Amino acid sequence: NIGTLRFDSNHRYVTSLSKIDPSPDWFTGIANIEPVRDGRWLKRFTVFVLPFDAGTDGGNYYASSNSPQVPPNVITRITRSSSSRD
């Protein structure tokens, strides 16, 4: 739960980014979510998010220690089959 958000006709969208701790560089987020259905503001809503690897750390596991990746890799979505990061 991220608390109470207030929307109006001038502030209609929500964008959020969150680090997945204690991972070295994993994150998740949403962009430009408009909590409206059938022209009415939603009182509550749930958004399912996916995990991503920022590519700035060479650690291969969720709890890997810091190991800077130079140069950084591209941002990639983390999947169960993408690596042994579980």
Protein backbone atom coordinates (compact mmCIF):
# COMPACT_ATOMS: atom_id res chain seq x y z
CA ASN A 1 0.00 0.00 0.00
CA ILE A 2 1.51 3.34 -1.02
CA GLY A 3 -1.05 5.44 0.81
CA THR A 4 -3.54 7.97 -0.48
CA LEU A 5 -3.12 9.56 -3.89
CA ARG A 6 -5.22 12.55 -4.99
CA PHE A 7 -6.18 13.11 -8.62
CA ASP A 8 -8.09 15.80 -10.50
CA SER A 9 -8.52 16.88 -14.11
CA ASN A 10 -5.09 18.58 -14.05
CA HIS A 11 -3.32 15.70 -12.27
CA ARG A 12 -4.69 12.51 -13.85
CA TYR A 13 -1.72 10.14 -14.03
CA VAL A 14 0.53 8.30 -11.62
CA THR A 15 4.12 7.22 -12.27
CA SER A 16 6.24 5.45 -9.69
CA LEU A 17 9.63 3.73 -9.50
CA SER A 18 10.83 1.51 -6.68
CA LYS A 19 14.14 -0.22 -5.92
CA ILE A 20 13.92 -3.92 -5.06
CA ASP A 21 16.08 -4.28 -1.96
CA PRO A 22 18.58 -5.80 -1.18
CA SER A 23 19.31 -6.45 -4.86
CA PRO A 24 22.23 -4.47 -6.30
CA ASP A 25 20.31 -2.77 -9.15
CA TRP A 26 16.86 -4.28 -9.57
CA PHE A 27 13.76 -2.11 -9.75
CA THR A 28 10.10 -2.02 -10.74
CA GLY A 29 7.68 0.71 -11.63
CA ILE A 30 4.65 2.05 -13.43
CA ALA A 31 4.23 4.92 -15.86
CA ASN A 32 1.27 7.08 -16.84
CA ILE A 33 -1.44 5.05 -15.12
CA GLU A 34 -4.78 6.87 -15.30
CA PRO A 35 -7.08 5.51 -12.56
CA VAL A 36 -10.33 6.09 -14.46
CA ARG A 37 -12.94 3.57 -15.62
CA ASP A 38 -16.06 4.47 -17.57
CA GLY A 39 -15.28 8.16 -17.03
CA ARG A 40 -15.20 7.88 -13.23
CA TRP A 41 -12.24 8.06 -10.84
CA LEU A 42 -11.43 4.76 -9.16
CA LYS A 43 -11.43 4.77 -5.38
CA ARG A 44 -8.93 1.89 -5.37
CA PHE A 45 -6.85 0.16 -7.99
CA THR A 46 -4.14 -2.47 -8.21
CA VAL A 47 -1.29 -2.52 -10.68
CA PHE A 48 0.80 -5.63 -11.35
CA VAL A 49 4.44 -4.82 -12.02
CA LEU A 50 7.44 -6.68 -13.42
CA PRO A 51 11.04 -6.69 -12.11
CA PHE A 52 13.88 -5.19 -14.16
CA ASP A 53 17.68 -5.23 -13.93
CA ALA A 54 19.20 -1.77 -14.43
CA GLY A 55 22.43 -3.26 -15.79
CA THR A 56 24.64 -1.16 -13.53
CA ASP A 57 25.82 -4.00 -11.28
CA GLY A 58 27.44 -7.31 -12.22
CA GLY A 59 25.87 -9.31 -9.37
CA ASN A 60 23.89 -12.34 -10.56
CA TYR A 61 21.74 -12.98 -7.51
CA TYR A 62 19.10 -11.11 -5.53
CA ALA A 63 21.41 -10.61 -2.55
CA SER A 64 24.72 -10.22 -4.44
CA SER A 65 27.20 -7.73 -3.06
CA ASN A 66 27.94 -4.59 -5.09
CA SER A 67 30.00 -5.19 -8.22
CA PRO A 68 29.79 -2.18 -10.55
CA GLN A 69 29.21 -3.05 -14.23
CA VAL A 70 31.43 -0.85 -16.44
CA PRO A 71 30.20 -0.04 -18.98
CA PRO A 72 26.60 -0.68 -17.88
CA ASN A 73 24.47 -3.27 -19.67
CA VAL A 74 21.08 -2.44 -21.15
CA ILE A 75 18.04 -2.58 -18.87
CA THR A 76 16.44 -6.03 -19.05
CA ARG A 77 13.33 -7.63 -17.63
CA ILE A 78 14.07 -10.29 -15.03
CA THR A 79 12.36 -13.60 -15.70
CA ARG A 80 12.66 -16.98 -14.04
CA SER A 81 14.36 -18.33 -17.15
CA SER A 82 16.64 -15.32 -17.78
CA SER A 83 19.16 -16.36 -15.13
CA SER A 84 19.69 -18.09 -11.82
CA ARG A 85 18.70 -14.95 -9.90
CA ASP A 86 15.90 -16.50 -7.83
